């Protein structure tokens, strides 16, 4: 067992074993959370308010009824888990939702949503509640772009529907917005995943082969399936954000030494060619809608965890690898239906493009397959306009 995870387990045990004075009436619940099982402490009094009528007055009164319960142990447990496992806001919400699903087992979905709305508000977020007939919907203020999710605007702020965040881009129902804002100056909810949570890795071993200079190279690596599990439930966020999600320690420590050995003594141009050959040839290509049936951008690690990947996914992987092995300025370029990467390689050849006075050579991570050639615009895009969506200096 890795020392870091041993320390994590000891720390978790110490945190969750703590109870304040007079806590004899508190209860505990084990919550399965991806690769972990987390202990949550709560007071049964939090569950005492029953299902309210679905109207402005009754819903506001229900919030105040919850505020008079002993909700602090539950919120404290959730916040401890957030800190201990370094959960971002979205994963914190997923833990909260899973815990409430168990606590309210056998009761109505409305009660679960109202409890979630209350706890998010108490945790410091700016929330709103919408309702229709016998349903309630939790909205939270965010500054992030979230696609194919219901959103509302109120007082100049954008609120996204957490209850139905994966509802798709179809026609949205007209909902009633509750005329009560419990935390009007609350924090924005973030979907960013700049660092991976400290969840126990679920390792899988795989082999990848790629062609470079008429020679096949085979690498064996380990990837973390836990990342695939929580990203499968992730909302569709701005494509530029997937580029910055790091590789797991599991994958980094198994893959990077082999790549470092391959590029040892090579020039920057040769390293770019090796990385292009690797991302083009080691993985099978298929577009999201053909394989998944919907848009599914991947973080770099997921390229190793699914049988197919496309240009967005390979670009994320190329960026992660180039950041380690090249350490040169890069841009990520979005054509109308294609994503690719430009690298500021030494300006010794024709075919570069200029962006902010710097010369970049395109290192397309998807093609041509079995080719190491860099510095060429992808076929069919020679005259197409592009937008730079990310810049690495």
Protein backbone atom coordinates (compact mmCIF):
# COMPACT_ATOMS: atom_id res chain seq x y z
CA UNK A 1 0.00 0.00 0.00
CA UNK A 2 1.31 3.47 -0.84
CA UNK A 3 2.40 5.43 2.21
CA UNK A 4 0.24 8.39 1.18
CA UNK A 5 -2.90 6.28 1.22
CA UNK A 6 -1.92 4.64 4.52
CA UNK A 7 -1.62 8.12 6.01
CA UNK A 8 -4.95 9.06 4.43
CA UNK A 9 -6.69 6.06 6.01
CA UNK A 10 -5.25 6.84 9.47
CA UNK A 11 -6.22 10.50 9.18
CA UNK A 12 -9.72 9.60 7.98
CA UNK A 13 -10.21 7.23 10.89
CA UNK A 14 -9.15 9.92 13.33
CA UNK A 15 -11.43 12.53 11.81
CA UNK A 16 -14.52 10.40 11.56
CA UNK A 17 -14.07 8.88 15.02
CA UNK A 18 -14.32 12.33 16.60
CA UNK A 19 -17.62 13.28 18.18
CA UNK A 20 -18.50 16.40 20.13
CA UNK A 21 -19.77 16.28 23.69
CA UNK A 22 -23.41 15.23 23.94
CA UNK A 23 -23.28 13.36 20.64
CA UNK A 24 -24.71 10.11 22.00
CA UNK A 25 -27.81 10.53 19.84
CA UNK A 26 -25.81 10.85 16.64
CA UNK A 27 -25.80 8.02 14.14
CA UNK A 28 -23.34 6.92 11.49
CA UNK A 29 -23.78 5.76 7.92
CA UNK A 30 -21.29 4.27 5.46
CA UNK A 31 -21.55 5.86 2.02
CA UNK A 32 -20.07 4.05 -1.02
CA UNK A 33 -18.27 6.75 -2.98
CA UNK A 34 -16.48 5.44 -6.07
CA UNK A 35 -13.43 3.54 -4.76
CA UNK A 36 -14.00 4.63 -1.15
CA UNK A 37 -16.49 3.95 1.62
CA UNK A 38 -16.96 7.06 3.76
CA UNK A 39 -18.41 7.28 7.27
CA UNK A 40 -20.95 10.06 7.70
CA UNK A 41 -22.26 11.23 11.10
CA UNK A 42 -25.73 12.72 11.39
CA UNK A 43 -28.45 13.58 13.84
CA UNK A 44 -31.85 11.91 13.25
CA UNK A 45 -33.45 15.26 14.01
CA UNK A 46 -32.33 16.46 10.58
CA UNK A 47 -34.72 13.93 9.02
CA UNK A 48 -37.71 14.95 11.15
CA UNK A 49 -39.33 17.57 8.89
CA UNK A 50 -41.75 15.76 6.58
CA UNK A 51 -42.55 16.40 2.95
CA UNK A 52 -44.00 19.89 2.51
CA UNK A 53 -46.61 21.08 0.08
CA UNK A 54 -45.09 22.35 -3.17
CA UNK A 55 -45.73 26.08 -3.03
CA UNK A 56 -43.73 29.19 -2.15
CA UNK A 57 -44.81 29.47 1.45
CA UNK A 58 -44.49 25.78 2.36
CA UNK A 59 -41.08 25.40 0.69
CA UNK A 60 -39.68 28.46 2.48
CA UNK A 61 -41.07 27.17 5.78
CA UNK A 62 -39.44 23.79 5.15
CA UNK A 63 -36.03 25.46 4.77
CA UNK A 64 -36.52 27.20 8.13
CA UNK A 65 -37.65 23.94 9.71
CA UNK A 66 -34.44 22.26 8.58
CA UNK A 67 -32.42 25.17 9.99
CA UNK A 68 -33.85 24.40 13.46
CA UNK A 69 -32.66 20.79 13.38
CA UNK A 70 -29.22 19.59 14.42
CA UNK A 71 -27.84 19.60 10.87
CA UNK A 72 -24.28 20.52 11.88
CA UNK A 73 -22.91 16.95 12.34
CA UNK A 74 -23.93 15.94 8.83
CA UNK A 75 -22.56 19.09 7.23
CA UNK A 76 -19.35 18.78 9.24
CA UNK A 77 -18.89 15.17 8.09
CA UNK A 78 -19.38 16.14 4.46
CA UNK A 79 -16.98 19.06 4.76
CA UNK A 80 -14.36 16.87 6.43
CA UNK A 81 -14.58 14.41 3.54
CA UNK A 82 -14.33 17.24 1.03
CA UNK A 83 -11.13 18.49 2.65
CA UNK A 84 -9.60 15.09 3.34
CA UNK A 85 -10.12 13.68 -0.16
CA UNK A 86 -9.62 17.05 -1.88
CA UNK A 87 -12.99 16.96 -3.61
CA UNK A 88 -13.89 19.83 -5.89
CA UNK A 89 -17.37 21.36 -5.66
CA UNK A 90 -18.95 18.91 -8.11
CA UNK A 91 -17.60 15.81 -6.35
CA UNK A 92 -18.59 17.33 -2.99
CA UNK A 93 -22.12 17.68 -4.33
CA UNK A 94 -22.07 14.08 -5.60
CA UNK A 95 -21.05 12.88 -2.12
CA UNK A 96 -23.78 14.99 -0.52
CA UNK A 97 -26.37 13.63 -2.96
CA UNK A 98 -25.32 10.00 -2.36
CA UNK A 99 -25.46 10.49 1.42
CA UNK A 100 -28.90 12.07 1.29
CA UNK A 101 -30.12 9.33 -1.02
CA UNK A 102 -29.33 6.80 1.70
CA UNK A 103 -30.56 8.93 4.58
CA UNK A 104 -33.90 9.49 2.88
CA UNK A 105 -34.26 5.97 1.50
CA UNK A 106 -37.92 5.16 1.03
CA UNK A 107 -38.95 8.81 1.17
CA UNK A 108 -39.73 11.22 -1.65
CA UNK A 109 -37.26 12.70 -4.11
CA UNK A 110 -38.58 16.14 -3.16
CA UNK A 111 -37.31 15.73 0.41
CA UNK A 112 -33.88 14.73 -0.90
CA UNK A 113 -33.69 17.76 -3.19
CA UNK A 114 -34.82 20.12 -0.44
CA UNK A 115 -32.23 18.72 1.97
CA UNK A 116 -29.56 19.13 -0.70
CA UNK A 117 -30.64 22.72 -1.34
CA UNK A 118 -30.49 23.45 2.38
CA UNK A 119 -27.04 21.89 2.93
CA UNK A 120 -25.48 23.57 -0.11
CA UNK A 121 -26.80 26.90 1.18
CA UNK A 122 -25.39 26.22 4.64
CA UNK A 123 -22.07 25.24 3.03
CA UNK A 124 -21.78 28.77 1.65
CA UNK A 125 -23.07 28.52 -1.92
CA UNK A 126 -25.57 30.86 -3.55
CA UNK A 127 -28.51 28.57 -4.33
CA UNK A 128 -32.00 28.86 -5.72
CA UNK A 129 -34.92 26.45 -5.76
CA UNK A 130 -37.39 25.92 -8.60
CA UNK A 131 -40.44 23.72 -8.57
CA UNK A 132 -43.24 22.37 -10.71
CA UNK A 133 -46.17 20.24 -9.56
CA UNK A 134 -44.60 17.58 -7.29
CA UNK A 135 -40.96 18.18 -8.23
CA UNK A 136 -38.23 20.43 -6.84
CA UNK A 137 -34.99 21.43 -8.56
CA UNK A 138 -31.78 22.67 -6.94
CA UNK A 139 -29.97 25.47 -8.75
CA UNK A 140 -26.55 26.87 -7.83
CA UNK A 141 -24.70 29.96 -8.95
CA UNK A 142 -21.66 29.24 -11.13
CA UNK A 143 -19.29 31.25 -13.28
CA UNK A 144 -18.35 28.18 -15.33
CA UNK A 145 -19.75 27.25 -18.72
CA UNK A 146 -21.88 24.11 -18.41
CA UNK A 147 -23.40 22.72 -21.60
CA UNK A 148 -26.59 20.76 -22.23
CA UNK A 149 -27.81 21.65 -18.74
CA UNK A 150 -30.81 23.78 -17.69
CA UNK A 151 -29.76 27.25 -16.53
CA UNK A 152 -31.57 30.35 -15.29
CA UNK A 153 -30.41 33.91 -14.80
CA UNK A 154 -31.42 36.03 -11.85
CA UNK A 155 -29.99 39.35 -10.66
CA UNK A 156 -27.17 39.07 -13.18
CA UNK A 157 -26.07 35.63 -12.00
CA UNK A 158 -26.20 32.30 -13.83
CA UNK A 159 -27.61 29.34 -11.93
CA UNK A 160 -27.30 25.77 -13.19
CA UNK A 161 -29.77 23.00 -12.39
CA UNK A 162 -27.88 20.37 -10.36
CA UNK A 163 -30.92 18.12 -10.10
CA UNK A 164 -31.20 17.64 -13.86
CA UNK A 165 -27.74 18.73 -14.95
CA UNK A 166 -27.49 15.96 -17.54
CA UNK A 167 -30.92 16.65 -18.99
CA UNK A 168 -29.54 17.32 -22.46
CA UNK A 169 -30.22 20.14 -24.85
CA UNK A 170 -33.88 19.40 -25.46
CA UNK A 171 -36.78 21.71 -24.73
CA UNK A 172 -36.84 22.80 -21.10
CA UNK A 173 -39.97 23.00 -18.98
CA UNK A 174 -41.09 26.32 -17.54
CA UNK A 175 -40.52 26.16 -13.77
CA UNK A 176 -41.57 28.34 -10.86
CA UNK A 177 -38.63 30.04 -9.14
CA UNK A 178 -39.04 30.19 -5.39
CA UNK A 179 -39.13 33.77 -4.17
CA UNK A 180 -36.56 33.08 -1.47
CA UNK A 181 -32.79 33.29 -1.73
CA UNK A 182 -31.20 31.85 1.43
CA UNK A 183 -27.63 32.98 0.67
CA UNK A 184 -27.78 35.88 -1.74
CA UNK A 185 -24.07 36.73 -1.37
CA UNK A 186 -22.99 33.10 -1.42
CA UNK A 187 -20.03 31.60 -3.22
CA UNK A 188 -19.93 30.44 -6.82
CA UNK A 189 -19.97 26.68 -7.39
CA UNK A 190 -17.01 25.47 -9.47
CA UNK A 191 -16.80 22.52 -11.84
CA UNK A 192 -13.05 22.91 -12.41
CA UNK A 193 -10.88 19.84 -11.86
CA UNK A 194 -7.39 21.33 -11.65
CA UNK A 195 -6.21 18.50 -9.41
CA UNK A 196 -7.44 14.96 -8.97
CA UNK A 197 -9.22 13.95 -5.77
CA UNK A 198 -7.35 11.71 -3.34
CA UNK A 199 -9.59 8.71 -3.89
CA UNK A 200 -8.10 5.24 -3.69
CA UNK A 201 -6.80 4.25 -7.15
CA UNK A 202 -8.29 1.27 -8.93
CA UNK A 203 -5.41 0.17 -11.13
CA UNK A 204 -5.68 -1.53 -14.49
CA UNK A 205 -2.66 -2.64 -16.53
CA UNK A 206 -2.57 -2.16 -20.28
CA UNK A 207 -0.17 -2.30 -23.20
CA UNK A 208 0.00 0.20 -26.05
CA UNK A 209 1.99 -0.03 -29.29
CA UNK A 210 2.96 2.73 -31.68
CA UNK A 211 5.12 3.04 -34.79
CA UNK A 212 8.06 5.44 -34.97
CA UNK A 213 10.81 5.37 -37.62
CA UNK A 214 9.66 1.99 -38.94
CA UNK A 215 9.94 0.43 -35.48
CA UNK A 216 7.09 -0.65 -33.21
CA UNK A 217 7.46 0.40 -29.60
CA UNK A 218 5.41 -1.30 -26.87
CA UNK A 219 4.77 0.36 -23.54
CA UNK A 220 3.09 -1.13 -20.48
CA UNK A 221 1.28 1.26 -18.17
CA UNK A 222 -1.18 1.34 -15.30
CA UNK A 223 -4.19 3.66 -15.33
CA UNK A 224 -6.73 4.53 -12.63
CA UNK A 225 -10.27 3.32 -13.36
CA UNK A 226 -11.62 5.47 -10.54
CA UNK A 227 -11.10 8.48 -12.81
CA UNK A 228 -13.23 6.85 -15.51
CA UNK A 229 -15.97 6.21 -12.94
CA UNK A 230 -16.37 9.76 -11.68
CA UNK A 231 -15.82 11.35 -15.08
CA UNK A 232 -18.66 9.20 -16.46
CA UNK A 233 -20.99 11.26 -14.23
CA UNK A 234 -19.34 14.60 -14.90
CA UNK A 235 -21.34 17.40 -16.54
CA UNK A 236 -20.31 18.67 -19.95
CA UNK A 237 -18.03 21.64 -19.24
CA UNK A 238 -15.91 23.90 -21.45
CA UNK A 239 -13.55 21.80 -23.58
CA UNK A 240 -10.54 23.84 -22.52
CA UNK A 241 -10.95 22.67 -18.92
CA UNK A 242 -10.36 19.00 -19.78
CA UNK A 243 -6.90 19.91 -21.02
CA UNK A 244 -5.62 20.87 -17.57
CA UNK A 245 -6.67 17.76 -15.66
CA UNK A 246 -3.43 16.00 -14.67
CA UNK A 247 -2.55 12.35 -15.06
CA UNK A 248 -2.95 10.19 -11.98
CA UNK A 249 0.14 9.26 -10.00
CA UNK A 250 -0.59 5.67 -11.07
CA UNK A 251 -0.32 6.47 -14.79
CA UNK A 252 2.38 9.10 -14.50
CA UNK A 253 4.78 6.86 -12.57
CA UNK A 254 4.26 3.87 -14.86
CA UNK A 255 4.24 5.63 -18.24
CA UNK A 256 6.54 8.63 -17.96
CA UNK A 257 9.83 6.79 -17.24
CA UNK A 258 9.34 4.75 -20.43
CA UNK A 259 8.66 7.85 -22.52
CA UNK A 260 11.58 9.66 -20.92
CA UNK A 261 13.83 6.79 -21.95
CA UNK A 262 12.51 6.94 -25.52
CA UNK A 263 13.18 10.67 -25.87
CA UNK A 264 16.53 10.66 -24.08
CA UNK A 265 19.11 12.52 -26.14
CA UNK A 266 16.54 13.53 -28.77
CA UNK A 267 16.05 17.04 -30.14
CA UNK A 268 12.88 19.00 -29.49
CA UNK A 269 11.69 18.22 -33.01
CA UNK A 270 12.28 14.51 -32.49
CA UNK A 271 10.45 14.53 -29.15
CA UNK A 272 7.46 16.24 -30.79
CA UNK A 273 7.49 13.57 -33.52
CA UNK A 274 7.58 10.75 -30.95
CA UNK A 275 4.65 12.24 -29.01
CA UNK A 276 2.68 12.80 -32.22
CA UNK A 277 3.35 9.22 -33.34
CA UNK A 278 2.31 7.93 -29.90
CA UNK A 279 -0.99 9.82 -29.65
CA UNK A 280 -1.85 9.04 -33.29
CA UNK A 281 -1.05 5.35 -33.38
CA UNK A 282 -1.34 3.82 -29.90
CA UNK A 283 -5.13 4.24 -29.67
CA UNK A 284 -8.12 3.43 -31.88
CA UNK A 285 -10.10 6.41 -33.22
CA UNK A 286 -13.86 6.82 -33.05
CA UNK A 287 -15.93 9.95 -32.53
CA UNK A 288 -17.98 10.33 -29.34
CA UNK A 289 -21.40 10.17 -30.92
CA UNK A 290 -20.50 7.03 -32.81
CA UNK A 291 -19.15 5.24 -29.72
CA UNK A 292 -21.04 6.76 -26.77
CA UNK A 293 -24.05 8.14 -28.60
CA UNK A 294 -23.44 11.61 -27.13
CA UNK A 295 -20.64 14.14 -26.65
CA UNK A 296 -18.09 12.80 -24.15
CA UNK A 297 -14.90 14.86 -23.89
CA UNK A 298 -12.21 12.97 -22.00
CA UNK A 299 -9.43 13.97 -19.68
CA UNK A 300 -6.02 12.59 -20.69
CA UNK A 301 -6.18 9.50 -18.45
CA UNK A 302 -9.44 8.32 -20.02
CA UNK A 303 -7.71 7.78 -23.36
CA UNK A 304 -6.15 4.72 -21.71
CA UNK A 305 -9.43 3.58 -20.14
CA UNK A 306 -11.71 3.41 -23.18
CA UNK A 307 -11.24 1.45 -26.43
CA UNK A 308 -11.73 4.58 -28.56
CA UNK A 309 -10.86 8.27 -28.41
CA UNK A 310 -11.05 11.31 -30.70
CA UNK A 311 -9.26 14.59 -31.36
CA UNK A 312 -10.36 16.35 -28.16
CA UNK A 313 -9.24 13.44 -26.01
CA UNK A 314 -5.89 12.99 -27.78
CA UNK A 315 -5.22 16.75 -27.57
CA UNK A 316 -5.63 16.56 -23.78
CA UNK A 317 -3.17 13.66 -23.67
CA UNK A 318 -0.66 15.37 -25.98
CA UNK A 319 -0.74 18.53 -23.85
CA UNK A 320 -0.12 16.56 -20.64
CA UNK A 321 2.82 14.67 -22.15
CA UNK A 322 4.34 17.68 -23.92
CA UNK A 323 4.16 19.72 -20.72
CA UNK A 324 6.47 17.16 -19.14
CA UNK A 325 8.75 16.19 -22.01
CA UNK A 326 8.99 19.33 -24.16
CA UNK A 327 8.18 22.24 -21.85
CA UNK A 328 7.72 24.61 -24.78
CA UNK A 329 4.96 27.16 -25.35
CA UNK A 330 1.83 25.55 -26.83
CA UNK A 331 -1.56 26.57 -28.15
CA UNK A 332 -4.68 24.46 -28.50
CA UNK A 333 -6.50 25.28 -31.73
CA UNK A 334 -10.20 24.69 -32.32
CA UNK A 335 -11.45 24.32 -35.88
CA UNK A 336 -15.24 24.05 -36.37
CA UNK A 337 -15.11 20.25 -35.87
CA UNK A 338 -11.52 19.48 -34.93
CA UNK A 339 -9.12 20.15 -32.07
CA UNK A 340 -5.35 20.15 -32.48
CA UNK A 341 -2.17 21.42 -30.82
CA UNK A 342 0.55 23.83 -31.92
CA UNK A 343 4.02 23.76 -30.34
CA UNK A 344 6.63 26.53 -30.45
CA UNK A 345 9.38 24.28 -31.81
CA UNK A 346 12.68 25.85 -32.95
CA UNK A 347 11.89 27.83 -36.08
CA UNK A 348 14.01 25.81 -38.51
CA UNK A 349 11.37 24.69 -41.01
CA UNK A 350 8.58 26.18 -43.09
CA UNK A 351 4.93 25.54 -42.31
CA UNK A 352 4.54 27.33 -39.00
CA UNK A 353 1.67 29.60 -38.00
CA UNK A 354 2.02 32.79 -36.00
CA UNK A 355 0.07 33.59 -32.88
CA UNK A 356 0.94 36.65 -30.78
CA UNK A 357 4.27 36.94 -32.65
CA UNK A 358 5.32 33.36 -31.76
CA UNK A 359 5.76 30.65 -34.39
CA UNK A 360 3.90 27.40 -33.71
CA UNK A 361 4.10 24.11 -35.60
CA UNK A 362 0.98 21.96 -35.61
CA UNK A 363 1.46 18.58 -33.92
CA UNK A 364 -1.88 17.00 -34.67
CA UNK A 365 -2.48 14.16 -32.16
CA UNK A 366 -4.85 12.14 -34.36
CA UNK A 367 -3.26 11.88 -37.79
CA UNK A 368 -1.90 10.83 -40.09
CA UNK A 369 -1.93 7.45 -38.32
CA UNK A 370 1.47 5.74 -38.10
CA UNK A 371 3.15 8.98 -39.13
CA UNK A 372 5.53 11.12 -37.03
CA UNK A 373 5.27 14.16 -39.30
CA UNK A 374 4.67 17.46 -37.50
CA UNK A 375 4.36 20.99 -38.81
CA UNK A 376 1.53 20.26 -41.24
CA UNK A 377 -2.05 21.51 -41.10
CA UNK A 378 -4.46 18.55 -40.81
CA UNK A 379 -5.79 17.39 -44.15
CA UNK A 380 -8.94 19.24 -45.15
CA UNK A 381 -8.28 22.19 -42.83
CA UNK A 382 -5.63 23.99 -44.87
CA UNK A 383 -7.86 27.03 -45.46
CA UNK A 384 -10.16 26.70 -42.42
CA UNK A 385 -10.27 29.34 -39.70
CA UNK A 386 -9.43 28.33 -36.15
CA UNK A 387 -9.72 29.76 -32.65
CA UNK A 388 -7.04 29.44 -29.97
CA UNK A 389 -8.88 28.16 -26.89
CA UNK A 390 -5.85 27.61 -24.64
CA UNK A 391 -2.33 29.02 -24.45
CA UNK A 392 0.56 27.52 -22.50
CA UNK A 393 3.63 29.73 -22.09
